[in-house]
Amino acid sequence: MTEKHVRHWIGGKPHEGPAGRQGDIYDPATGRLTGKVDFASATEVDAAVAAAKAAFPAWRDASLAKRTAVLFRFRELLAARRRELAELISSEHGKVISDAAGEVTRGLEVVEFACGIPHLLKGGYSENVSTKVDAYSILQPLGVVAGITPFNFPAMVPMWMFPVAIACGNTFVLKPSEKDPSASVWLAELWAEAGLPDGVFNVVHGDKTAVDALLEHSDVKAVSFVGSTPIARYVYERAARTGKRVQALGGAKNHMVVLPDADLDLAADAAVSAGFGSAGERCMAISVVVAVDPVGDELVARIAERAARLTVGPGHDPAAEMGPLITREHRDKVASYVESALAQGAAVVVDGRGVETAEEYSGGFWLGPTVLDHVTPDMDAYTDEIFGPVLSVVRVGSYDEAMELIAANPYGNGTAIFTNDGGAARRFQNEVEVGMVGINVPIPVPMAYYSFGGWKDSLFGDSHAHGMEGVHFYTRTKAVTARWLDPSHGGVNLGFPTNG
C-alpha cells in the first residue's frame, strides 16, 4: 500500500516546496503507518499568510452576492460528497463512519448559516442625529484570520470557523491537527472547486512551530482555537500580547446530573451514548454522571449493562458502534486513569482494557467502554480531562450537593440534568455556571445559529464560536457620521460638536 503524502495548501494549490520535517499518519484501527504530513516552518507559515493577505483586498471588496454564490456552491458540493469526507475522517481518526457523517452534517449546518451572511452583516442607520446629519454603522472584515483546530473533529471544528470568517470577507489560514490532517486539504480542494479565489483559504500543517508562527505573525489579525485548557490559555496569552483578537476554547469535564424522579432508562441510554460516542474523544462528552440518592445502584446497573453490550470495531464496519482511540500513546494514557481510579478506591464496573478485536486489528489503539463507580472529586479520574471512553459515576445526597460539585469544577463547557421536574430543570439552567446546558439532552451542542462555548477554564476570550458571536468575532464595527451640505454652510466653528 502506497503511503499518502499530505502537503500544505497555499495560494490555491498544494505547496510544492521541500518537505522538511514531517509527521506520521496512522490508521488507529490497525496501528499501521499510512502516510506522512509535512510540518510547516515559519517560512511556510509566512507564505500562507502572504497568500491570504494578497487575496484579502479583492475578497473583501467582492459583493455579498458573489460571496454567497461561492458559499452556496461549497455547500452543495459538501452535501453531495459528505460520505467521502466521513470515510476519510474515519480512516485517520478512527471514529465509526456514522459518527463521522454526523460530524460533517453539523459542520454543514454552519456553512448553511454562513450562506445567510447578507442579512447577518446589516448595520444600523439613524437619520437626523443632528440637523441634517445621519449616523450609521457598518461591519467590515478583519483581514487575515487563523484557525488552530484539534484532532477529534477534523472537519466540524474548522467549519465552526472558516465558513463564517470567509463569508464576512476575511481570508483564512487553517492549522489542523497533524494527527488527522487529510480532511483539511480535502476541504481546501472543495473550496477551489466551488470557485473560491486562490489564497482566500490556506492550510499549513505542523506542530508548535507552526502554531507559534501564526500567533506571532503581525499580519494575522485574529486567532480561533479549540483544544485543551493549558494550550488554550497559552494561545490566548501569546496571541493577545501581539494585539490579536482571540477566541480560545479549552477543555471540559461535563457533568450529567440524574435526579431521583428521572426516567432511568432514558438517563442510562443518554449516559452511554454521550460517554462512549467517538470513544469519548469529544469536548462535549459526558465524562461524569452525578447520581443523586437513592438512584445510584439502579442507574449504575443500567449503564453497565448497556456499556458492556457495545460493539467495538473499525470505523468501516457497519456493526461497530465505537472505534479505537487516535494514537497508541493516548490509549495508554487513558488506560492509566482506570488503574489510578482502582488504586484510589473507585470500583471498575466495566473494564475496557481487555477488549478483543479480530487478528488483523490486534495492533490498533483499542480501549473499550469503561465505567467507574464511587468516584470522588479527589481522584485523578475526576480532576483530569481523560478524553476517552471512561465514564465516572459520582454519588451525591442531594441536588444542592450536585450543584456544589459542578460549581467547584474549574471547567464550564457543557452540563446536563435528567429530571421530570420542570421546576428543578428551570432552577438548574438558571443557577449552573456552565456555558451550554442540556435538559434531558446529554450533549447540548447548540445549532449553528446559536453560539458554541463554555465558561470558566473552558474559554479564554469573550467570544464563542459560530452563530452571531462568530459574525461579531470576524468583523469590526465602523461608525460613520455624515452630513451632505447645502451649497452654503455656517463657516468655521471650533466648539465641541453637540447634538444640536
Protein backbone atom coordinates (compact mmCIF):
# COMPACT_ATOMS: atom_id res chain seq x y z
CA MET A 1 0.00 0.00 0.00
CA THR A 2 1.43 3.39 -1.05
CA GLU A 3 1.81 5.87 1.79
CA LYS A 4 -0.07 9.13 1.37
CA HIS A 5 1.76 12.44 1.45
CA VAL A 6 -0.27 15.33 2.87
CA ARG A 7 1.03 18.74 1.83
CA HIS A 8 0.22 22.30 2.81
CA TRP A 9 -2.35 24.16 0.72
CA ILE A 10 -1.16 27.68 -0.08
CA GLY A 11 -2.46 30.13 -2.64
CA GLY A 12 -5.00 27.75 -4.13
CA LYS A 13 -2.78 24.72 -4.68
CA PRO A 14 -0.66 22.10 -2.88
CA HIS A 15 2.60 23.54 -1.66
CA GLU A 16 5.46 22.04 -3.66
CA GLY A 17 8.37 23.27 -1.56
CA PRO A 18 10.82 20.96 0.22
CA ALA A 19 9.12 18.69 2.72
CA GLY A 20 11.41 19.43 5.66
CA ARG A 21 10.14 17.96 8.91
CA GLN A 22 7.24 15.53 8.69
CA GLY A 23 4.82 13.73 10.97
CA ASP A 24 3.37 10.23 10.81
CA ILE A 25 -0.25 9.41 9.97
CA TYR A 26 -1.68 6.15 11.32
CA ASP A 27 -4.75 4.01 10.86
CA PRO A 28 -5.89 3.79 14.50
CA ALA A 29 -7.77 0.53 13.85
CA THR A 30 -4.68 -1.37 12.74
CA GLY A 31 -1.87 0.73 14.18
CA ARG A 32 -0.22 0.80 10.76
CA LEU A 33 1.58 3.82 9.36
CA THR A 34 -0.41 5.10 6.36
CA GLY A 35 1.31 8.32 5.40
CA LYS A 36 3.34 11.40 6.14
CA VAL A 37 2.31 15.00 6.65
CA ASP A 38 4.59 17.97 6.06
CA PHE A 39 5.32 20.16 9.08
CA ALA A 40 5.46 23.89 8.42
CA SER A 41 8.33 26.07 9.47
CA ALA A 42 7.98 29.83 9.84
CA THR A 43 8.77 30.04 6.11
CA GLU A 44 5.68 28.06 5.06
CA VAL A 45 3.52 29.96 7.55
CA ASP A 46 4.81 33.24 6.11
CA ALA A 47 3.95 32.02 2.61
CA ALA A 48 0.40 31.06 3.65
CA VAL A 49 -0.21 34.35 5.43
CA ALA A 50 1.24 36.26 2.49
CA ALA A 51 -1.12 34.44 0.11
CA ALA A 52 -4.06 35.24 2.37
CA LYS A 53 -3.01 38.88 2.69
CA ALA A 54 -2.67 39.25 -1.07
CA ALA A 55 -6.13 37.74 -1.61
CA PHE A 56 -7.82 39.88 1.04
CA PRO A 57 -8.43 43.18 -0.79
CA ALA A 58 -10.30 41.60 -3.70
CA TRP A 59 -12.27 39.21 -1.47
CA ARG A 60 -13.15 42.00 0.97
CA ASP A 61 -14.49 44.05 -1.92
CA ALA A 62 -16.32 41.15 -3.55
CA SER A 63 -20.06 41.71 -3.50
CA LEU A 64 -22.16 39.87 -0.96
CA ALA A 65 -23.88 38.22 -3.91
CA LYS A 66 -20.57 36.82 -5.15
CA ARG A 67 -19.52 35.62 -1.70
CA THR A 68 -22.80 33.86 -1.09
CA ALA A 69 -22.72 32.28 -4.55
CA VAL A 70 -19.39 30.65 -3.68
CA LEU A 71 -20.71 29.58 -0.27
CA PHE A 72 -23.80 28.01 -1.81
CA ARG A 73 -21.67 26.08 -4.31
CA PHE A 74 -19.42 24.89 -1.49
CA ARG A 75 -22.49 23.83 0.46
CA GLU A 76 -23.90 21.83 -2.45
CA LEU A 77 -20.58 20.08 -3.12
CA LEU A 78 -20.13 19.22 0.54
CA ALA A 79 -23.67 17.89 0.88
CA ALA A 80 -23.22 15.69 -2.20
CA ARG A 81 -19.87 14.27 -1.08
CA ARG A 82 -20.31 14.08 2.68
CA ARG A 83 -19.89 10.28 2.71
CA GLU A 84 -16.47 10.62 1.06
CA LEU A 85 -15.34 13.07 3.74
CA ALA A 86 -16.75 10.87 6.52
CA GLU A 87 -14.76 7.88 5.26
CA LEU A 88 -11.60 9.97 5.14
CA ILE A 89 -12.14 11.17 8.72
CA SER A 90 -12.76 7.62 9.93
CA SER A 91 -9.57 6.34 8.31
CA GLU A 92 -7.34 8.75 10.23
CA HIS A 93 -9.30 9.47 13.41
CA GLY A 94 -10.80 6.03 13.99
CA LYS A 95 -14.39 7.06 14.74
CA VAL A 96 -17.08 4.96 13.08
CA ILE A 97 -18.33 6.27 9.75
CA SER A 98 -21.83 7.03 11.03
CA ASP A 99 -20.31 9.24 13.72
CA ALA A 100 -18.02 10.92 11.18
CA ALA A 101 -21.04 11.55 8.95
CA GLY A 102 -22.76 13.25 11.87
CA GLU A 103 -19.70 15.45 12.32
CA VAL A 104 -19.84 16.50 8.69
CA THR A 105 -23.55 17.28 8.97
CA ARG A 106 -23.02 19.55 11.97
CA GLY A 107 -20.27 21.37 10.10
CA LEU A 108 -22.52 21.68 7.07
CA GLU A 109 -25.09 23.44 9.25
CA VAL A 110 -22.57 26.23 9.92
CA VAL A 111 -21.92 26.54 6.17
CA GLU A 112 -25.68 26.91 5.68
CA PHE A 113 -25.79 29.55 8.41
CA ALA A 114 -22.97 31.45 6.67
CA CYS A 115 -24.91 31.37 3.39
CA GLY A 116 -27.23 33.93 5.03
CA ILE A 117 -24.38 36.41 5.52
CA PRO A 118 -26.04 39.32 3.63
CA HIS A 119 -28.69 39.51 6.32
CA LEU A 120 -26.19 38.99 9.14
CA LEU A 121 -23.89 41.82 8.02
CA LYS A 122 -26.58 44.50 8.04
CA GLY A 123 -25.56 47.54 10.06
CA GLY A 124 -27.73 50.26 11.59
CA TYR A 125 -28.80 53.69 10.36
CA SER A 126 -30.13 56.75 12.17
CA GLU A 127 -31.33 59.80 10.27
CA ASN A 128 -31.01 63.33 11.63
CA VAL A 129 -28.97 62.56 14.74
CA SER A 130 -28.19 66.25 14.43
CA THR A 131 -29.61 68.73 11.95
CA LYS A 132 -29.12 67.16 8.52
CA VAL A 133 -26.57 64.74 10.00
CA ASP A 134 -27.01 60.98 9.67
CA ALA A 135 -25.16 58.22 11.55
CA TYR A 136 -24.74 54.62 10.63
CA SER A 137 -22.64 51.58 11.45
CA ILE A 138 -21.10 49.07 9.10
CA LEU A 139 -19.48 45.70 9.74
CA GLN A 140 -16.15 45.10 8.00
CA PRO A 141 -13.80 42.10 7.90
CA LEU A 142 -10.59 41.99 9.91
CA GLY A 143 -8.18 40.71 7.26
CA VAL A 144 -6.15 37.51 7.61
CA VAL A 145 -7.50 35.26 10.38
CA ALA A 146 -6.26 31.88 11.57
CA GLY A 147 -7.82 28.73 12.99
CA ILE A 148 -5.98 26.14 15.09
CA THR A 149 -8.07 23.00 15.48
CA PRO A 150 -7.95 19.64 17.31
CA PHE A 151 -7.87 16.04 16.14
CA ASN A 152 -11.24 14.97 17.48
CA PHE A 153 -13.34 16.82 14.88
CA PRO A 154 -11.07 17.38 11.88
CA ALA A 155 -13.94 18.70 9.72
CA MET A 156 -16.59 20.07 12.07
CA VAL A 157 -14.44 22.32 14.27
CA PRO A 158 -12.72 24.03 11.31
CA MET A 159 -16.19 24.51 9.86
CA TRP A 160 -17.21 26.32 13.05
CA MET A 161 -14.68 28.92 11.95
CA PHE A 162 -13.87 29.32 8.28
CA PRO A 163 -17.36 29.49 6.68
CA VAL A 164 -18.31 32.47 8.84
CA ALA A 165 -14.88 34.10 8.58
CA ILE A 166 -14.80 33.79 4.78
CA ALA A 167 -18.43 34.86 4.36
CA CYS A 168 -17.64 38.01 6.34
CA GLY A 169 -14.90 38.86 3.83
CA ASN A 170 -11.80 37.65 5.67
CA THR A 171 -9.13 35.32 4.33
CA PHE A 172 -8.21 32.24 6.35
CA VAL A 173 -5.20 30.16 7.36
CA LEU A 174 -6.04 26.81 8.98
CA LYS A 175 -3.61 24.83 11.13
CA PRO A 176 -5.37 21.48 11.68
CA SER A 177 -4.22 18.65 13.89
CA GLU A 178 -1.24 16.82 12.47
CA LYS A 179 -2.78 13.51 13.61
CA ASP A 180 -5.60 13.51 11.03
CA PRO A 181 -4.74 16.23 8.50
CA SER A 182 -6.28 14.97 5.27
CA ALA A 183 -9.78 16.36 5.86
CA SER A 184 -8.47 19.92 5.84
CA VAL A 185 -6.85 19.57 2.42
CA TRP A 186 -9.97 17.81 1.10
CA LEU A 187 -12.00 20.85 2.20
CA ALA A 188 -9.48 23.19 0.56
CA GLU A 189 -9.87 21.33 -2.73
CA LEU A 190 -13.64 21.59 -2.39
CA TRP A 191 -13.38 25.36 -1.89
CA ALA A 192 -11.33 25.60 -5.07
CA GLU A 193 -13.94 23.59 -6.96
CA ALA A 194 -16.63 25.91 -5.60
CA GLY A 195 -14.83 28.91 -7.10
CA LEU A 196 -13.21 30.46 -4.04
CA PRO A 197 -10.38 32.73 -5.24
CA ASP A 198 -6.84 31.48 -4.67
CA GLY A 199 -5.39 32.48 -1.32
CA VAL A 200 -8.69 33.03 0.50
CA PHE A 201 -8.38 29.62 2.21
CA ASN A 202 -4.98 28.14 3.09
CA VAL A 203 -3.81 25.16 5.16
CA VAL A 204 -0.50 24.72 6.97
CA HIS A 205 0.25 21.54 8.90
CA GLY A 206 2.58 21.05 11.80
CA ASP A 207 3.19 21.36 15.50
CA LYS A 208 4.13 24.10 17.95
CA THR A 209 6.47 25.71 15.43
CA ALA A 210 3.58 26.42 13.07
CA VAL A 211 1.29 27.49 15.89
CA ASP A 212 3.80 29.96 17.31
CA ALA A 213 4.47 31.40 13.87
CA LEU A 214 0.76 32.14 13.45
CA LEU A 215 0.42 33.58 16.95
CA GLU A 216 3.34 35.94 16.41
CA HIS A 217 2.65 36.94 12.81
CA SER A 218 1.90 40.64 12.52
CA ASP A 219 -0.43 40.13 9.53
CA VAL A 220 -2.71 37.70 11.38
CA LYS A 221 -5.48 39.75 12.95
CA ALA A 222 -7.43 37.09 14.85
CA VAL A 223 -6.96 33.53 16.06
CA SER A 224 -9.61 30.90 16.79
CA PHE A 225 -8.55 27.83 18.76
CA VAL A 226 -10.12 24.65 20.13
CA GLY A 227 -8.14 22.25 22.30
CA SER A 228 -7.03 21.55 25.84
CA THR A 229 -7.19 24.21 28.54
CA PRO A 230 -3.41 24.59 29.03
CA ILE A 231 -2.89 25.18 25.31
CA ALA A 232 -5.97 27.42 25.07
CA ARG A 233 -4.51 29.61 27.82
CA TYR A 234 -1.15 29.66 26.03
CA VAL A 235 -2.75 30.62 22.69
CA TYR A 236 -4.85 33.33 24.31
CA GLU A 237 -1.99 34.92 26.23
CA ARG A 238 0.53 34.78 23.42
CA ALA A 239 -1.80 35.98 20.67
CA ALA A 240 -3.38 38.70 22.80
CA ARG A 241 0.08 40.02 23.62
CA THR A 242 0.55 40.80 19.94
CA GLY A 243 -2.78 42.62 19.73
CA LYS A 244 -4.80 39.88 18.09
CA ARG A 245 -8.44 39.15 18.69
CA VAL A 246 -8.65 35.67 20.26
CA GLN A 247 -11.30 33.04 20.94
CA ALA A 248 -9.66 30.03 22.60
CA LEU A 249 -11.96 27.18 23.60
CA GLY A 250 -10.43 24.87 26.19
CA GLY A 251 -11.08 21.58 27.93
CA ALA A 252 -14.09 20.15 29.69
CA LYS A 253 -15.35 17.93 32.45
CA ASN A 254 -19.01 17.63 31.61
CA HIS A 255 -21.38 16.53 34.38
CA MET A 256 -24.74 14.85 33.87
CA VAL A 257 -26.96 15.14 36.94
CA VAL A 258 -29.61 12.45 37.35
CA LEU A 259 -32.34 13.33 39.87
CA PRO A 260 -34.40 10.64 41.63
CA ASP A 261 -37.50 11.37 39.54
CA ALA A 262 -35.71 10.90 36.21
CA ASP A 263 -36.55 8.20 33.70
CA LEU A 264 -33.57 5.93 34.43
CA ASP A 265 -33.73 4.08 31.13
CA LEU A 266 -33.58 7.40 29.29
CA ALA A 267 -30.75 8.57 31.55
CA ALA A 268 -28.77 5.34 31.12
CA ASP A 269 -29.15 5.45 27.33
CA ALA A 270 -28.02 9.06 27.33
CA ALA A 271 -25.01 8.46 29.59
CA VAL A 272 -23.75 5.62 27.42
CA SER A 273 -24.37 7.47 24.16
CA ALA A 274 -22.72 10.67 25.36
CA GLY A 275 -19.92 8.95 27.24
CA PHE A 276 -18.73 6.50 24.59
CA GLY A 277 -19.62 8.07 21.26
CA SER A 278 -16.43 8.75 19.29
CA ALA A 279 -14.61 6.76 22.02
CA GLY A 280 -15.19 9.66 24.42
CA GLU A 281 -12.91 11.91 22.37
CA ARG A 282 -15.36 14.81 22.42
CA CYS A 283 -15.11 18.07 24.34
CA MET A 284 -18.86 17.73 24.89
CA ALA A 285 -18.76 14.09 26.01
CA ILE A 286 -20.37 13.28 29.32
CA SER A 287 -17.48 12.14 31.49
CA VAL A 288 -19.15 12.37 34.93
CA VAL A 289 -22.58 11.06 35.86
CA VAL A 290 -23.77 12.62 39.13
CA ALA A 291 -26.26 10.19 40.65
CA VAL A 292 -28.45 11.81 43.28
CA ASP A 293 -29.53 9.42 46.05
CA PRO A 294 -31.20 6.98 46.02
CA VAL A 295 -30.84 6.13 42.29
CA GLY A 296 -27.11 5.28 42.23
CA ASP A 297 -27.23 1.49 42.34
CA GLU A 298 -30.02 1.12 39.83
CA LEU A 299 -28.59 3.72 37.45
CA VAL A 300 -25.11 2.21 37.51
CA ALA A 301 -26.53 -1.23 36.81
CA ARG A 302 -28.41 0.04 33.76
CA ILE A 303 -25.40 1.96 32.46
CA ALA A 304 -23.11 -1.04 32.95
CA GLU A 305 -25.49 -3.39 31.17
CA ARG A 306 -25.64 -1.09 28.14
CA ALA A 307 -21.91 -0.32 28.06
CA ALA A 308 -20.99 -4.00 28.15
CA ARG A 309 -23.11 -4.65 25.05
CA LEU A 310 -21.48 -2.01 22.84
CA THR A 311 -19.75 -3.29 19.72
CA VAL A 312 -16.19 -2.04 19.37
CA GLY A 313 -14.57 -2.27 15.95
CA PRO A 314 -13.00 -0.48 12.99
CA GLY A 315 -14.79 2.56 11.67
CA HIS A 316 -15.71 1.00 8.33
CA ASP A 317 -17.52 -1.94 9.99
CA PRO A 318 -21.28 -1.16 9.85
CA ALA A 319 -21.79 -3.15 13.05
CA ALA A 320 -19.24 -1.13 15.03
CA GLU A 321 -20.61 1.45 17.45
CA MET A 322 -17.28 2.68 18.79
CA GLY A 323 -13.84 2.77 17.20
CA PRO A 324 -10.28 2.99 18.52
CA LEU A 325 -8.52 5.96 20.08
CA ILE A 326 -6.42 8.32 17.98
CA THR A 327 -2.90 7.14 18.97
CA ARG A 328 -1.23 4.41 20.98
CA GLU A 329 0.15 6.98 23.43
CA HIS A 330 -3.28 8.44 24.05
CA ARG A 331 -4.80 4.99 24.52
CA ASP A 332 -2.17 4.15 27.14
CA LYS A 333 -2.73 7.46 28.94
CA VAL A 334 -6.49 6.90 29.10
CA ALA A 335 -5.99 3.35 30.37
CA SER A 336 -3.76 4.68 33.14
CA TYR A 337 -6.76 6.51 34.62
CA VAL A 338 -8.54 3.19 35.06
CA GLU A 339 -5.57 1.89 37.01
CA SER A 340 -5.29 5.00 39.15
CA ALA A 341 -9.03 5.05 39.90
CA LEU A 342 -8.86 1.46 41.10
CA ALA A 343 -5.83 2.25 43.26
CA GLN A 344 -7.57 5.33 44.71
CA GLY A 345 -10.69 3.42 45.76
CA ALA A 346 -13.11 3.53 42.85
CA ALA A 347 -14.90 0.42 41.59
CA VAL A 348 -14.31 -0.65 37.97
CA VAL A 349 -17.77 -1.82 36.96
CA VAL A 350 -16.99 -2.26 33.25
CA ASP A 351 -13.34 -2.64 32.26
CA GLY A 352 -12.49 -1.86 28.64
CA ARG A 353 -8.81 -2.65 28.89
CA GLY A 354 -9.32 -6.22 27.74
CA VAL A 355 -11.38 -5.50 24.65
CA GLU A 356 -10.91 -8.12 21.93
CA THR A 357 -10.68 -7.46 18.20
CA ALA A 358 -10.06 -9.51 15.07
CA GLU A 359 -6.44 -10.54 14.48
CA GLU A 360 -5.94 -8.01 11.66
CA TYR A 361 -6.74 -5.22 14.13
CA SER A 362 -4.62 -6.50 17.00
CA GLY A 363 -2.19 -3.60 16.61
CA GLY A 364 -4.90 -0.96 16.84
CA PHE A 365 -5.30 1.59 19.59
CA TRP A 366 -8.17 -0.09 21.38
CA LEU A 367 -9.81 0.61 24.71
CA GLY A 368 -13.38 -0.49 25.27
CA PRO A 369 -16.13 1.29 27.20
CA THR A 370 -15.19 1.61 30.86
CA VAL A 371 -17.45 2.54 33.79
CA LEU A 372 -16.06 3.65 37.16
CA ASP A 373 -18.34 3.85 40.21
CA HIS A 374 -17.87 5.56 43.58
CA VAL A 375 -15.51 8.13 42.08
CA THR A 376 -14.73 11.05 44.37
CA PRO A 377 -13.59 14.60 43.48
CA ASP A 378 -10.05 13.99 44.74
CA MET A 379 -9.35 11.14 42.29
CA ASP A 380 -7.32 11.67 39.12
CA ALA A 381 -10.14 10.21 37.04
CA TYR A 382 -12.32 13.10 38.23
CA THR A 383 -9.89 16.01 38.28
CA ASP A 384 -8.36 15.43 34.84
CA GLU A 385 -9.94 15.62 31.40
CA ILE A 386 -9.48 11.98 30.34
CA PHE A 387 -10.76 12.41 26.77
CA GLY A 388 -11.50 8.74 26.29
CA PRO A 389 -14.18 6.08 26.84
CA VAL A 390 -14.12 6.26 30.64
CA LEU A 391 -17.37 7.21 32.37
CA SER A 392 -17.14 8.12 36.07
CA VAL A 393 -20.11 7.94 38.43
CA VAL A 394 -20.08 10.26 41.45
CA ARG A 395 -22.78 9.75 44.07
CA VAL A 396 -24.27 12.69 45.96
CA GLY A 397 -27.03 13.08 48.51
CA SER A 398 -28.96 15.99 47.07
CA TYR A 399 -29.50 18.45 44.23
CA ASP A 400 -27.60 21.11 46.19
CA GLU A 401 -24.60 18.80 46.58
CA ALA A 402 -24.63 18.15 42.84
CA MET A 403 -24.64 21.88 42.16
CA GLU A 404 -21.75 22.44 44.56
CA LEU A 405 -19.77 19.74 42.74
CA ILE A 406 -20.26 21.41 39.35
CA ALA A 407 -19.57 24.89 40.72
CA ALA A 408 -16.28 23.76 42.27
CA ASN A 409 -15.02 22.27 39.00
CA PRO A 410 -12.69 24.57 37.06
CA TYR A 411 -14.30 23.67 33.73
CA GLY A 412 -17.60 25.05 32.49
CA ASN A 413 -18.15 23.71 29.00
CA GLY A 414 -21.31 21.58 28.99
CA THR A 415 -23.64 20.01 31.51
CA ALA A 416 -26.98 18.21 31.58
CA ILE A 417 -29.74 17.37 34.00
CA PHE A 418 -32.18 14.48 33.74
CA THR A 419 -35.45 15.01 35.55
CA ASN A 420 -39.21 15.11 35.07
CA ASP A 421 -39.49 18.12 37.41
CA GLY A 422 -39.84 21.33 35.41
CA GLY A 423 -39.08 23.46 38.43
CA ALA A 424 -35.83 21.64 39.11
CA ALA A 425 -34.82 21.93 35.45
CA ARG A 426 -35.62 25.65 35.42
CA ARG A 427 -33.60 26.19 38.58
CA PHE A 428 -30.68 24.19 37.17
CA GLN A 429 -30.45 26.13 33.90
CA ASN A 430 -30.60 29.37 35.85
CA GLU A 431 -28.02 28.54 38.51
CA VAL A 432 -25.41 26.33 36.88
CA GLU A 433 -22.15 28.10 35.93
CA VAL A 434 -21.65 26.39 32.59
CA GLY A 435 -21.86 27.71 29.04
CA MET A 436 -24.05 25.01 27.44
CA VAL A 437 -26.88 23.26 29.28
CA GLY A 438 -28.96 20.23 28.35
CA ILE A 439 -32.29 19.33 29.94
CA ASN A 440 -32.88 15.65 29.27
CA VAL A 441 -30.37 16.17 26.43
CA PRO A 442 -26.92 14.72 27.20
CA ILE A 443 -24.81 16.60 24.61
CA PRO A 444 -26.24 20.12 24.37
CA VAL A 445 -24.26 21.25 21.31
CA PRO A 446 -26.13 24.30 20.01
CA MET A 447 -27.36 24.60 16.46
CA ALA A 448 -25.29 26.74 14.08
CA TYR A 449 -27.42 29.84 14.63
CA TYR A 450 -26.62 29.77 18.36
CA SER A 451 -23.10 30.05 19.72
CA PHE A 452 -20.84 27.27 21.00
CA GLY A 453 -18.64 27.94 24.01
CA GLY A 454 -18.06 27.33 27.68
CA TRP A 455 -17.37 29.34 30.81
CA LYS A 456 -14.53 29.39 33.35
CA ASP A 457 -11.44 27.46 32.20
CA SER A 458 -13.26 26.22 29.12
CA LEU A 459 -12.99 29.56 27.32
CA PHE A 460 -10.32 32.23 27.04
CA GLY A 461 -11.57 35.36 25.32
CA ASP A 462 -15.05 36.82 25.20
CA SER A 463 -16.46 35.30 22.01
CA HIS A 464 -17.97 31.88 21.44
CA ALA A 465 -17.86 30.03 18.12
CA HIS A 466 -20.30 30.29 15.19
CA GLY A 467 -23.74 31.88 15.41
CA MET A 468 -23.90 35.66 15.69
CA GLU A 469 -20.93 35.63 18.08
CA GLY A 470 -18.90 34.21 15.20
CA VAL A 471 -20.05 37.04 12.94
CA HIS A 472 -19.09 39.59 15.59
CA PHE A 473 -15.72 37.94 16.14
CA TYR A 474 -14.80 38.03 12.45
CA THR A 475 -15.93 41.62 11.87
CA ARG A 476 -15.28 45.00 13.40
CA THR A 477 -17.74 47.87 13.56
CA LYS A 478 -17.14 51.20 11.89
CA ALA A 479 -19.37 54.11 12.90
CA VAL A 480 -19.90 56.80 10.24
CA THR A 481 -21.37 60.26 10.81
CA ALA A 482 -22.24 62.07 7.58
CA ARG A 483 -23.53 65.50 6.57
CA TRP A 484 -24.32 66.34 2.98
CA LEU A 485 -24.09 70.11 2.86
CA ASP A 486 -26.23 72.70 1.15
CA PRO A 487 -24.36 74.99 -1.23
CA SER A 488 -23.65 77.34 1.70
CA HIS A 489 -22.58 76.46 5.22
CA GLY A 490 -22.02 78.10 8.55
CA GLY A 491 -18.24 78.52 8.35
CA VAL A 492 -15.57 77.54 10.85
CA ASN A 493 -16.67 76.57 14.36
CA LEU A 494 -14.02 75.48 16.90
CA GLY A 495 -16.58 74.46 19.52
CA PHE A 496 -17.05 70.81 20.52
CA PRO A 497 -19.72 69.15 18.32
CA THR A 498 -23.10 68.79 20.02
CA ASN A 499 -26.34 67.18 19.05
CA GLY A 500 -28.00 70.50 18.22
